[in-house]
C-alpha cells in the first residue's frame, strides 16, 4: 500500500511539472496590502 501512495505522489509531481511547462506556473494569490496608519484627526492652531 505504501508503494502505491509513493507512486501516486510521484505521478502528481510529474503532472504538476507538465502543467507548469505547458500552461505556465500556477498563479499565486495576491498578497493583502499592509495597512498604513493615517493621522486624520483635525489639527488645531493653524
Protein backbone atom coordinates (compact mmCIF):
# COMPACT_ATOMS: atom_id res chain seq x y z
CA UNK A 1 0.00 0.00 0.00
CA UNK A 2 2.86 2.35 0.81
CA UNK A 3 4.29 1.71 -2.66
CA UNK A 4 1.03 2.85 -4.28
CA UNK A 5 0.98 6.06 -2.23
CA UNK A 6 4.58 6.85 -3.21
CA UNK A 7 3.84 6.15 -6.87
CA UNK A 8 0.76 8.40 -6.80
CA UNK A 9 2.73 11.19 -5.13
CA UNK A 10 5.47 10.93 -7.78
CA UNK A 11 2.84 10.91 -10.54
CA UNK A 12 1.25 14.04 -9.04
CA UNK A 13 4.65 15.80 -9.04
CA UNK A 14 5.19 14.89 -12.72
CA UNK A 15 1.73 16.11 -13.66
CA UNK A 16 2.34 19.40 -11.82
CA UNK A 17 5.64 19.87 -13.69
CA UNK A 18 3.97 19.06 -17.00
CA UNK A 19 1.11 21.51 -16.38
CA UNK A 20 3.63 24.20 -15.39
CA UNK A 21 5.63 23.57 -18.56
CA UNK A 22 2.56 23.70 -20.81
CA UNK A 23 0.49 26.44 -19.21
CA UNK A 24 2.94 28.34 -17.00
CA UNK A 25 3.16 28.28 -13.22
CA UNK A 26 0.02 28.38 -11.11
CA UNK A 27 -1.00 31.94 -10.28
CA UNK A 28 -0.03 32.97 -6.77
CA UNK A 29 -2.73 34.51 -4.59
CA UNK A 30 -2.43 38.27 -4.30
CA UNK A 31 -0.84 39.41 -1.10
CA UNK A 32 -3.04 41.50 1.13
CA UNK A 33 -1.88 45.11 1.47
CA UNK A 34 -0.34 46.12 4.76
CA UNK A 35 -2.49 48.76 6.48
CA UNK A 36 -0.68 52.04 6.98
CA UNK A 37 -1.77 54.12 9.97
CA UNK A 38 -3.02 57.58 9.00
CA UNK A 39 -3.37 60.50 11.38
CA UNK A 40 -6.65 62.00 10.15
CA UNK A 41 -7.55 63.92 13.30
CA UNK A 42 -8.33 67.61 12.75
CA UNK A 43 -5.41 69.87 13.62
CA UNK A 44 -5.77 72.87 15.90
CA UNK A 45 -3.82 76.10 15.86
CA UNK A 46 -3.32 76.84 12.21
